Amino acid sequence: MRLASFLVFPVCFLLLTVELCAADVWHVDTRGGAAAFSQLGTAADGSNVWVPSNHSAFLETHDPNTPLVIVIHGNWMSASESRVYGLKFQQLTQNDGNRRLLIWSWPSDRLDTGVRRDAQIKSQRAVLHSAYLTSFLRSLVPESKVSLVGFSFGAKLVCSSLQMLGTSGHSLRLRAVLLAAAVDENALAPGRQFGRALAATEGILVHVNSRDKTLKYYPLLNGLCGPEAIGYAGVGGVSSRKIRKVDVGRIIGKEHGIMESFVGLVSDRRGLSTYVFFFVQ
């Protein structure tokens, strides 16, 4: 069973340097059972440094008119690695629009349980840890512009949070981007696991890649013939103008990597401007 590469990123990208100055970038880590905040700062020698902060400090400096872009990683990634990839996203899009970037990290570090069991645990954990994201979103002032960009199991965390918000209501301007989403293809359909997620958003951008060599084996996650993944087959059981589907197979190829997905998003100029930077109202 070829789940060995399930939701894994290319390590070579960790070697890329990141140079950002005066960027409004934050990091949240929920590994400790609470949301631990830190902010990107500049050391005396001009290098990047992460400065411990807190939720209150974030809210005090939050501008509801500036898009808050929350990037959420997939499986097999540590907190430090999530910072690297979040900053690479910032670097790739630094000329595309004003934003505050929040790198949201959850406990997806690799487990010594076997690959399939690891993926099953992370699939469940993404849902459990979406409660932290939901609580954070509820703390924002009304009419805040928020873009949720989720990769792989990170997309499942996004959908789960949207489900909670769609069930009980909220006052935010929410848009979502699902990249290589490791989510059951019918999960957004009415009555299914995330059937209320669409109600919480102004729109969802879905990038689909039927060449993805990892999501190809997603049906094996919970059986021999489970559902396909949204990132592989698209959204099933839903007909809504709120969903925009883009096939990125020719751009990304067979790789299931967060950097490849970021490049696919940056190449989708319409999607980037609409669902991430709110240029289209």
C-alpha atoms as a PDB file:
ATOM      1  CA  MET A   1       0.000   0.000   0.000  1.00  0.00           C
ATOM      2  CA  ARG A   2       1.535   3.289  -1.088  1.00  0.00           C
ATOM      3  CA  LEU A   3       0.601   5.433   1.870  1.00  0.00           C
ATOM      4  CA  ALA A   4       4.255   5.954   2.756  1.00  0.00           C
ATOM      5  CA  SER A   5       4.239   9.393   1.164  1.00  0.00           C
ATOM      6  CA  PHE A   6       0.796  10.297   2.486  1.00  0.00           C
ATOM      7  CA  LEU A   7       0.626  14.013   3.082  1.00  0.00           C
ATOM      8  CA  VAL A   8       4.386  14.465   3.208  1.00  0.00           C
ATOM      9  CA  PHE A   9       6.229  17.559   1.971  1.00  0.00           C
ATOM     10  CA  PRO A  10       9.531  17.719   0.061  1.00  0.00           C
ATOM     11  CA  VAL A  11      12.257  18.236   2.661  1.00  0.00           C
ATOM     12  CA  CYS A  12      14.519  20.039   0.216  1.00  0.00           C
ATOM     13  CA  PHE A  13      12.398  23.181   0.577  1.00  0.00           C
ATOM     14  CA  LEU A  14      13.534  23.482   4.193  1.00  0.00           C
ATOM     15  CA  LEU A  15      16.882  24.578   2.795  1.00  0.00           C
ATOM     16  CA  LEU A  16      15.371  27.662   1.197  1.00  0.00           C
ATOM     17  CA  THR A  17      16.205  30.918   2.918  1.00  0.00           C
ATOM     18  CA  VAL A  18      13.524  33.370   3.834  1.00  0.00           C
ATOM     19  CA  GLU A  19      14.168  37.094   3.912  1.00  0.00           C
ATOM     20  CA  LEU A  20      11.285  39.231   5.084  1.00  0.00           C
ATOM     21  CA  CYS A  21      11.444  42.672   6.611  1.00  0.00           C
ATOM     22  CA  ALA A  22       8.792  44.424   8.669  1.00  0.00           C
ATOM     23  CA  ALA A  23       6.197  41.800   7.771  1.00  0.00           C
ATOM     24  CA  ASP A  24       3.048  41.448   9.881  1.00  0.00           C
ATOM     25  CA  VAL A  25       3.431  37.706  10.436  1.00  0.00           C
ATOM     26  CA  TRP A  26       2.220  35.662  13.394  1.00  0.00           C
ATOM     27  CA  HIS A  27       2.424  32.006  14.409  1.00  0.00           C
ATOM     28  CA  VAL A  28       0.019  29.977  16.529  1.00  0.00           C
ATOM     29  CA  ASP A  29       0.847  26.512  17.857  1.00  0.00           C
ATOM     30  CA  THR A  30      -1.848  24.350  19.483  1.00  0.00           C
ATOM     31  CA  ARG A  31       0.415  21.428  20.407  1.00  0.00           C
ATOM     32  CA  GLY A  32       0.420  22.295  24.105  1.00  0.00           C
ATOM     33  CA  GLY A  33      -3.342  22.128  24.575  1.00  0.00           C
ATOM     34  CA  ALA A  34      -3.751  25.881  24.093  1.00  0.00           C
ATOM     35  CA  ALA A  35      -3.055  28.432  21.373  1.00  0.00           C
ATOM     36  CA  ALA A  36       0.521  29.704  21.853  1.00  0.00           C
ATOM     37  CA  PHE A  37       1.163  32.955  19.947  1.00  0.00           C
ATOM     38  CA  SER A  38       4.416  34.371  18.621  1.00  0.00           C
ATOM     39  CA  GLN A  39       5.188  37.245  16.241  1.00  0.00           C
ATOM     40  CA  LEU A  40       7.906  37.660  13.657  1.00  0.00           C
ATOM     41  CA  GLY A  41      10.415  40.299  14.675  1.00  0.00           C
ATOM     42  CA  THR A  42      13.881  41.483  13.714  1.00  0.00           C
ATOM     43  CA  ALA A  43      16.999  40.814  15.772  1.00  0.00           C
ATOM     44  CA  ALA A  44      19.826  43.330  16.256  1.00  0.00           C
ATOM     45  CA  ASP A  45      21.760  41.736  13.406  1.00  0.00           C
ATOM     46  CA  GLY A  46      18.779  42.103  11.066  1.00  0.00           C
ATOM     47  CA  SER A  47      17.796  38.429  11.069  1.00  0.00           C
ATOM     48  CA  ASN A  48      14.268  37.114  11.638  1.00  0.00           C
ATOM     49  CA  VAL A  49      13.360  36.157  15.189  1.00  0.00           C
ATOM     50  CA  TRP A  50      10.123  34.812  16.674  1.00  0.00           C
ATOM     51  CA  VAL A  51       9.018  36.770  19.726  1.00  0.00           C
ATOM     52  CA  PRO A  52       6.579  35.139  22.200  1.00  0.00           C
ATOM     53  CA  SER A  53       3.263  36.985  22.365  1.00  0.00           C
ATOM     54  CA  ASN A  54      -0.361  36.297  23.234  1.00  0.00           C
ATOM     55  CA  HIS A  55      -3.929  36.370  21.982  1.00  0.00           C
ATOM     56  CA  SER A  56      -4.679  39.770  23.500  1.00  0.00           C
ATOM     57  CA  ALA A  57      -1.716  41.410  21.759  1.00  0.00           C
ATOM     58  CA  PHE A  58      -2.905  40.009  18.448  1.00  0.00           C
ATOM     59  CA  LEU A  59      -6.441  41.338  18.931  1.00  0.00           C
ATOM     60  CA  GLU A  60      -5.219  44.774  20.038  1.00  0.00           C
ATOM     61  CA  THR A  61      -3.424  45.242  16.718  1.00  0.00           C
ATOM     62  CA  HIS A  62      -6.016  43.572  14.504  1.00  0.00           C
ATOM     63  CA  ASP A  63      -7.519  45.656  11.701  1.00  0.00           C
ATOM     64  CA  PRO A  64     -10.788  44.154  10.389  1.00  0.00           C
ATOM     65  CA  ASN A  65     -10.297  45.878   7.038  1.00  0.00           C
ATOM     66  CA  THR A  66      -6.931  44.205   6.400  1.00  0.00           C
ATOM     67  CA  PRO A  67      -7.303  40.618   5.179  1.00  0.00           C
ATOM     68  CA  LEU A  68      -6.166  38.095   7.766  1.00  0.00           C
ATOM     69  CA  VAL A  69      -4.705  35.139   5.867  1.00  0.00           C
ATOM     70  CA  ILE A  70      -4.478  31.976   7.969  1.00  0.00           C
ATOM     71  CA  VAL A  71      -2.283  29.258   6.444  1.00  0.00           C
ATOM     72  CA  ILE A  72      -2.679  25.730   7.834  1.00  0.00           C
ATOM     73  CA  HIS A  73      -0.265  22.907   7.007  1.00  0.00           C
ATOM     74  CA  GLY A  74      -0.847  19.193   6.486  1.00  0.00           C
ATOM     75  CA  ASN A  75       0.682  16.042   7.969  1.00  0.00           C
ATOM     76  CA  TRP A  76       4.232  15.306   9.179  1.00  0.00           C
ATOM     77  CA  MET A  77       5.232  18.851  10.014  1.00  0.00           C
ATOM     78  CA  SER A  78       6.740  20.306  13.170  1.00  0.00           C
ATOM     79  CA  ALA A  79       6.050  23.761  14.559  1.00  0.00           C
ATOM     80  CA  SER A  80       9.404  25.070  13.332  1.00  0.00           C
ATOM     81  CA  GLU A  81       8.858  23.631   9.857  1.00  0.00           C
ATOM     82  CA  SER A  82       5.409  25.228   9.704  1.00  0.00           C
ATOM     83  CA  ARG A  83       7.070  28.604  10.242  1.00  0.00           C
ATOM     84  CA  VAL A  84       9.437  27.978   7.331  1.00  0.00           C
ATOM     85  CA  TYR A  85       6.627  27.107   4.940  1.00  0.00           C
ATOM     86  CA  GLY A  86       4.410  29.910   6.182  1.00  0.00           C
ATOM     87  CA  LEU A  87       7.178  32.408   5.494  1.00  0.00           C
ATOM     88  CA  LYS A  88       7.701  30.927   2.047  1.00  0.00           C
ATOM     89  CA  PHE A  89       4.003  31.569   1.356  1.00  0.00           C
ATOM     90  CA  GLN A  90       4.513  35.149   2.545  1.00  0.00           C
ATOM     91  CA  GLN A  91       7.507  35.493   0.252  1.00  0.00           C
ATOM     92  CA  LEU A  92       5.670  34.061  -2.756  1.00  0.00           C
ATOM     93  CA  THR A  93       2.764  36.494  -2.309  1.00  0.00           C
ATOM     94  CA  GLN A  94       4.490  39.547  -0.821  1.00  0.00           C
ATOM     95  CA  ASN A  95       3.712  41.695  -3.871  1.00  0.00           C
ATOM     96  CA  ASP A  96       0.126  40.524  -4.304  1.00  0.00           C
ATOM     97  CA  GLY A  97      -1.707  42.496  -1.654  1.00  0.00           C
ATOM     98  CA  ASN A  98      -1.814  43.828   1.863  1.00  0.00           C
ATOM     99  CA  ARG A  99      -2.458  41.238   4.549  1.00  0.00           C
ATOM    100  CA  ARG A 100      -1.716  40.003   8.048  1.00  0.00           C
ATOM    101  CA  LEU A 101      -0.404  36.450   7.890  1.00  0.00           C
ATOM    102  CA  LEU A 102      -1.126  33.929  10.616  1.00  0.00           C
ATOM    103  CA  ILE A 103       0.656  30.568  10.345  1.00  0.00           C
ATOM    104  CA  TRP A 104      -1.563  28.105  12.184  1.00  0.00           C
ATOM    105  CA  SER A 105       0.232  24.974  13.411  1.00  0.00           C
ATOM    106  CA  TRP A 106      -1.351  21.871  14.900  1.00  0.00           C
ATOM    107  CA  PRO A 107       0.174  18.562  16.170  1.00  0.00           C
ATOM    108  CA  SER A 108       0.847  16.712  12.937  1.00  0.00           C
ATOM    109  CA  ASP A 109       4.385  15.553  13.773  1.00  0.00           C
ATOM    110  CA  ARG A 110       5.109  12.036  12.508  1.00  0.00           C
ATOM    111  CA  LEU A 111       4.074   9.207  14.843  1.00  0.00           C
ATOM    112  CA  ASP A 112       5.717   5.830  15.244  1.00  0.00           C
ATOM    113  CA  THR A 113       2.485   3.954  14.522  1.00  0.00           C
ATOM    114  CA  GLY A 114       2.785   2.891  10.904  1.00  0.00           C
ATOM    115  CA  VAL A 115       1.866   5.178   8.055  1.00  0.00           C
ATOM    116  CA  ARG A 116      -1.796   4.262   7.700  1.00  0.00           C
ATOM    117  CA  ARG A 117      -2.539   4.499  11.413  1.00  0.00           C
ATOM    118  CA  ASP A 118      -0.619   7.781  11.564  1.00  0.00           C
ATOM    119  CA  ALA A 119      -2.809   9.221   8.812  1.00  0.00           C
ATOM    120  CA  GLN A 120      -5.988   8.012  10.513  1.00  0.00           C
ATOM    121  CA  ILE A 121      -4.963   9.657  13.780  1.00  0.00           C
ATOM    122  CA  LYS A 122      -4.110  12.932  12.034  1.00  0.00           C
ATOM    123  CA  SER A 123      -7.391  12.910  10.144  1.00  0.00           C
ATOM    124  CA  GLN A 124      -9.226  12.747  13.482  1.00  0.00           C
ATOM    125  CA  ARG A 125      -6.850  15.199  15.136  1.00  0.00           C
ATOM    126  CA  ALA A 126      -7.455  17.811  12.444  1.00  0.00           C
ATOM    127  CA  VAL A 127     -11.134  17.784  13.403  1.00  0.00           C
ATOM    128  CA  LEU A 128     -10.408  17.947  17.131  1.00  0.00           C
ATOM    129  CA  HIS A 129      -7.967  20.847  16.804  1.00  0.00           C
ATOM    130  CA  SER A 130     -10.349  22.824  14.625  1.00  0.00           C
ATOM    131  CA  ALA A 131     -12.005  23.850  17.902  1.00  0.00           C
ATOM    132  CA  TYR A 132      -8.999  26.082  18.658  1.00  0.00           C
ATOM    133  CA  LEU A 133      -9.307  27.787  15.286  1.00  0.00           C
ATOM    134  CA  THR A 134     -13.057  28.228  15.706  1.00  0.00           C
ATOM    135  CA  SER A 135     -12.591  29.804  19.118  1.00  0.00           C
ATOM    136  CA  PHE A 136      -9.970  32.160  17.729  1.00  0.00           C
ATOM    137  CA  LEU A 137     -12.163  33.210  14.811  1.00  0.00           C
ATOM    138  CA  ARG A 138     -15.021  33.960  17.180  1.00  0.00           C
ATOM    139  CA  SER A 139     -12.742  36.360  19.065  1.00  0.00           C
ATOM    140  CA  LEU A 140     -12.258  38.621  16.025  1.00  0.00           C
ATOM    141  CA  VAL A 141     -14.266  41.782  15.652  1.00  0.00           C
ATOM    142  CA  PRO A 142     -17.337  41.638  13.373  1.00  0.00           C
ATOM    143  CA  GLU A 143     -16.845  42.024   9.626  1.00  0.00           C
ATOM    144  CA  SER A 144     -13.177  41.006   9.796  1.00  0.00           C
ATOM    145  CA  LYS A 145     -11.899  39.759   6.452  1.00  0.00           C
ATOM    146  CA  VAL A 146     -10.477  36.265   6.939  1.00  0.00           C
ATOM    147  CA  SER A 147      -9.053  33.853   4.382  1.00  0.00           C
ATOM    148  CA  LEU A 148      -8.458  30.254   5.509  1.00  0.00           C
ATOM    149  CA  VAL A 149      -5.860  28.472   3.358  1.00  0.00           C
ATOM    150  CA  GLY A 150      -5.645  24.782   4.235  1.00  0.00           C
ATOM    151  CA  PHE A 151      -3.321  22.198   2.710  1.00  0.00           C
ATOM    152  CA  SER A 152      -4.104  18.454   2.810  1.00  0.00           C
ATOM    153  CA  PHE A 153      -5.271  17.586   6.341  1.00  0.00           C
ATOM    154  CA  GLY A 154      -5.061  21.313   7.047  1.00  0.00           C
ATOM    155  CA  ALA A 155      -7.985  21.648   4.627  1.00  0.00           C
ATOM    156  CA  LYS A 156      -9.921  19.221   6.818  1.00  0.00           C
ATOM    157  CA  LEU A 157      -9.217  21.407   9.828  1.00  0.00           C
ATOM    158  CA  VAL A 158     -10.565  24.366   7.841  1.00  0.00           C
ATOM    159  CA  CYS A 159     -13.738  22.503   6.839  1.00  0.00           C
ATOM    160  CA  SER A 160     -14.353  21.362  10.402  1.00  0.00           C
ATOM    161  CA  SER A 161     -14.028  24.896  11.734  1.00  0.00           C
ATOM    162  CA  LEU A 162     -16.360  26.205   9.041  1.00  0.00           C
ATOM    163  CA  GLN A 163     -18.846  23.491   9.985  1.00  0.00           C
ATOM    164  CA  MET A 164     -18.972  24.753  13.570  1.00  0.00           C
ATOM    165  CA  LEU A 165     -19.303  28.366  12.440  1.00  0.00           C
ATOM    166  CA  GLY A 166     -21.936  27.483   9.860  1.00  0.00           C
ATOM    167  CA  THR A 167     -23.978  25.624  12.448  1.00  0.00           C
ATOM    168  CA  SER A 168     -24.057  28.360  15.086  1.00  0.00           C
ATOM    169  CA  GLY A 169     -23.454  31.506  13.016  1.00  0.00           C
ATOM    170  CA  HIS A 170     -20.826  34.265  13.070  1.00  0.00           C
ATOM    171  CA  SER A 171     -20.228  37.837  11.874  1.00  0.00           C
ATOM    172  CA  LEU A 172     -17.011  37.443   9.861  1.00  0.00           C
ATOM    173  CA  ARG A 173     -16.313  37.764   6.148  1.00  0.00           C
ATOM    174  CA  LEU A 174     -14.853  34.314   5.604  1.00  0.00           C
ATOM    175  CA  ARG A 175     -13.372  32.841   2.440  1.00  0.00           C
ATOM    176  CA  ALA A 176     -11.540  29.530   2.173  1.00  0.00           C
ATOM    177  CA  VAL A 177      -8.972  27.866  -0.051  1.00  0.00           C
ATOM    178  CA  LEU A 178      -8.640  24.067  -0.052  1.00  0.00           C
ATOM    179  CA  LEU A 179      -5.317  22.894  -1.497  1.00  0.00           C
ATOM    180  CA  ALA A 180      -4.824  19.146  -2.141  1.00  0.00           C
ATOM    181  CA  ALA A 181      -7.611  18.646   0.368  1.00  0.00           C
ATOM    182  CA  ALA A 182      -7.504  15.354   2.272  1.00  0.00           C
ATOM    183  CA  VAL A 183     -11.253  15.500   2.860  1.00  0.00           C
ATOM    184  CA  ASP A 184     -13.929  13.030   1.732  1.00  0.00           C
ATOM    185  CA  GLU A 185     -15.300  14.187  -1.615  1.00  0.00           C
ATOM    186  CA  ASN A 186     -18.927  14.302  -0.371  1.00  0.00           C
ATOM    187  CA  ALA A 187     -18.115  15.844   3.035  1.00  0.00           C
ATOM    188  CA  LEU A 188     -19.469  19.286   2.048  1.00  0.00           C
ATOM    189  CA  ALA A 189     -22.799  17.893   0.823  1.00  0.00           C
ATOM    190  CA  PRO A 190     -25.936  18.646   2.877  1.00  0.00           C
ATOM    191  CA  GLY A 191     -26.261  16.272   5.802  1.00  0.00           C
ATOM    192  CA  ARG A 192     -22.679  15.049   5.557  1.00  0.00           C
ATOM    193  CA  GLN A 193     -19.722  15.665   7.908  1.00  0.00           C
ATOM    194  CA  PHE A 194     -19.178  19.305   6.883  1.00  0.00           C
ATOM    195  CA  GLY A 195     -22.569  19.963   5.332  1.00  0.00           C
ATOM    196  CA  ARG A 196     -22.895  23.373   7.003  1.00  0.00           C
ATOM    197  CA  ALA A 197     -19.429  24.633   6.067  1.00  0.00           C
ATOM    198  CA  LEU A 198     -20.600  26.493   2.968  1.00  0.00           C
ATOM    199  CA  ALA A 199     -23.108  28.451   5.042  1.00  0.00           C
ATOM    200  CA  ALA A 200     -20.205  30.006   6.956  1.00  0.00           C
ATOM    201  CA  THR A 201     -18.369  31.368   3.907  1.00  0.00           C
ATOM    202  CA  GLU A 202     -18.633  33.864   1.098  1.00  0.00           C
ATOM    203  CA  GLY A 203     -16.936  31.303  -1.119  1.00  0.00           C
ATOM    204  CA  ILE A 204     -14.569  28.333  -1.241  1.00  0.00           C
ATOM    205  CA  LEU A 205     -11.785  27.854  -3.789  1.00  0.00           C
ATOM    206  CA  VAL A 206     -10.961  24.190  -4.404  1.00  0.00           C
ATOM    207  CA  HIS A 207      -7.787  23.156  -6.203  1.00  0.00           C
ATOM    208  CA  VAL A 208      -8.095  19.685  -7.720  1.00  0.00           C
ATOM    209  CA  ASN A 209      -5.320  17.460  -9.060  1.00  0.00           C
ATOM    210  CA  SER A 210      -6.214  14.015 -10.383  1.00  0.00           C
ATOM    211  CA  ARG A 211      -2.494  13.368 -10.877  1.00  0.00           C
ATOM    212  CA  ASP A 212      -1.701  13.624  -7.157  1.00  0.00           C
ATOM    213  CA  LYS A 213       0.241  10.429  -6.427  1.00  0.00           C
ATOM    214  CA  THR A 214      -0.566  10.556  -2.696  1.00  0.00           C
ATOM    215  CA  LEU A 215      -4.271  11.444  -2.755  1.00  0.00           C
ATOM    216  CA  LYS A 216      -4.687   8.656  -5.293  1.00  0.00           C
ATOM    217  CA  TYR A 217      -4.512   6.285  -2.317  1.00  0.00           C
ATOM    218  CA  TYR A 218      -6.799   8.311  -0.049  1.00  0.00           C
ATOM    219  CA  PRO A 219      -9.646   5.741  -0.414  1.00  0.00           C
ATOM    220  CA  LEU A 220      -7.429   3.260   1.467  1.00  0.00           C
ATOM    221  CA  LEU A 221      -7.348   5.481   4.530  1.00  0.00           C
ATOM    222  CA  ASN A 222     -10.379   3.887   6.186  1.00  0.00           C
ATOM    223  CA  GLY A 223     -10.950   0.740   4.179  1.00  0.00           C
ATOM    224  CA  LEU A 224     -10.315  -0.912   0.854  1.00  0.00           C
ATOM    225  CA  CYS A 225     -12.767   1.228  -1.060  1.00  0.00           C
ATOM    226  CA  GLY A 226     -13.411   4.469   0.779  1.00  0.00           C
ATOM    227  CA  PRO A 227     -14.389   7.821  -0.761  1.00  0.00           C
ATOM    228  CA  GLU A 228     -12.046   9.804  -2.970  1.00  0.00           C
ATOM    229  CA  ALA A 229     -10.510  13.013  -1.652  1.00  0.00           C
ATOM    230  CA  ILE A 230     -11.771  16.465  -2.596  1.00  0.00           C
ATOM    231  CA  GLY A 231      -8.255  17.363  -3.679  1.00  0.00           C
ATOM    232  CA  TYR A 232      -8.242  14.444  -6.100  1.00  0.00           C
ATOM    233  CA  ALA A 233     -11.823  14.207  -7.379  1.00  0.00           C
ATOM    234  CA  GLY A 234     -13.409  17.543  -6.501  1.00  0.00           C
ATOM    235  CA  VAL A 235     -16.465  18.327  -4.390  1.00  0.00           C
ATOM    236  CA  GLY A 236     -19.289  15.815  -4.772  1.00  0.00           C
ATOM    237  CA  GLY A 237     -22.974  16.128  -3.928  1.00  0.00           C
ATOM    238  CA  VAL A 238     -22.967  19.943  -3.953  1.00  0.00           C
ATOM    239  CA  SER A 239     -24.089  22.419  -6.584  1.00  0.00           C
ATOM    240  CA  SER A 240     -23.302  25.915  -5.382  1.00  0.00           C
ATOM    241  CA  ARG A 241     -21.996  29.152  -6.833  1.00  0.00           C
ATOM    242  CA  LYS A 242     -19.961  29.519  -3.672  1.00  0.00           C
ATOM    243  CA  ILE A 243     -17.576  26.798  -4.860  1.00  0.00           C
ATOM    244  CA  ARG A 244     -14.963  27.510  -7.508  1.00  0.00           C
ATOM    245  CA  LYS A 245     -13.016  24.508  -8.749  1.00  0.00           C
ATOM    246  CA  VAL A 246      -9.627  24.844 -10.458  1.00  0.00           C
ATOM    247  CA  ASP A 247      -7.681  21.939 -11.962  1.00  0.00           C
ATOM    248  CA  VAL A 248      -3.995  22.447 -11.146  1.00  0.00           C
ATOM    249  CA  GLY A 249      -2.704  19.079 -12.358  1.00  0.00           C
ATOM    250  CA  ARG A 250      -0.727  20.543 -15.245  1.00  0.00           C
ATOM    251  CA  ILE A 251       0.960  23.020 -12.939  1.00  0.00           C
ATOM    252  CA  ILE A 252       1.695  20.766  -9.965  1.00  0.00           C
ATOM    253  CA  GLY A 253       2.063  17.360 -11.602  1.00  0.00           C
ATOM    254  CA  LYS A 254       2.133  14.295  -9.364  1.00  0.00           C
ATOM    255  CA  GLU A 255       3.628  15.878  -6.270  1.00  0.00           C
ATOM    256  CA  HIS A 256       1.623  16.224  -3.065  1.00  0.00           C
ATOM    257  CA  GLY A 257       3.607  19.016  -1.454  1.00  0.00           C
ATOM    258  CA  ILE A 258       2.705  22.196   0.332  1.00  0.00           C
ATOM    259  CA  MET A 259       5.161  24.290  -1.701  1.00  0.00           C
ATOM    260  CA  GLU A 260       3.831  22.892  -4.971  1.00  0.00           C
ATOM    261  CA  SER A 261       0.319  23.764  -3.804  1.00  0.00           C
ATOM    262  CA  PHE A 262       1.402  27.292  -2.908  1.00  0.00           C
ATOM    263  CA  VAL A 263       2.877  27.706  -6.394  1.00  0.00           C
ATOM    264  CA  GLY A 264      -0.388  26.423  -7.866  1.00  0.00           C
ATOM    265  CA  LEU A 265      -2.312  29.005  -5.855  1.00  0.00           C
ATOM    266  CA  VAL A 266      -0.014  31.859  -6.864  1.00  0.00           C
ATOM    267  CA  SER A 267      -0.428  30.871 -10.523  1.00  0.00           C
ATOM    268  CA  ASP A 268      -4.216  31.074 -10.096  1.00  0.00           C
ATOM    269  CA  ARG A 269      -4.340  34.869 -10.156  1.00  0.00           C
ATOM    270  CA  ARG A 270      -8.114  35.098 -10.040  1.00  0.00           C
ATOM    271  CA  GLY A 271      -8.348  32.724  -7.102  1.00  0.00           C
ATOM    272  CA  LEU A 272      -5.542  34.434  -5.205  1.00  0.00           C
ATOM    273  CA  SER A 273      -7.005  37.915  -5.599  1.00  0.00           C
ATOM    274  CA  THR A 274     -10.564  36.853  -4.781  1.00  0.00           C
ATOM    275  CA  TYR A 275     -10.251  34.228  -2.052  1.00  0.00           C
ATOM    276  CA  VAL A 276      -7.049  35.356  -0.338  1.00  0.00           C
ATOM    277  CA  PHE A 277      -6.764  39.127  -0.730  1.00  0.00           C
ATOM    278  CA  PHE A 278     -10.439  40.102  -1.102  1.00  0.00           C
ATOM    279  CA  PHE A 279      -9.869  42.274  -4.178  1.00  0.00           C
ATOM    280  CA  VAL A 280     -13.211  41.056  -5.546  1.00  0.00           C
ATOM    281  CA  GLN A 281     -16.007  41.977  -3.124  1.00  0.00           C
END
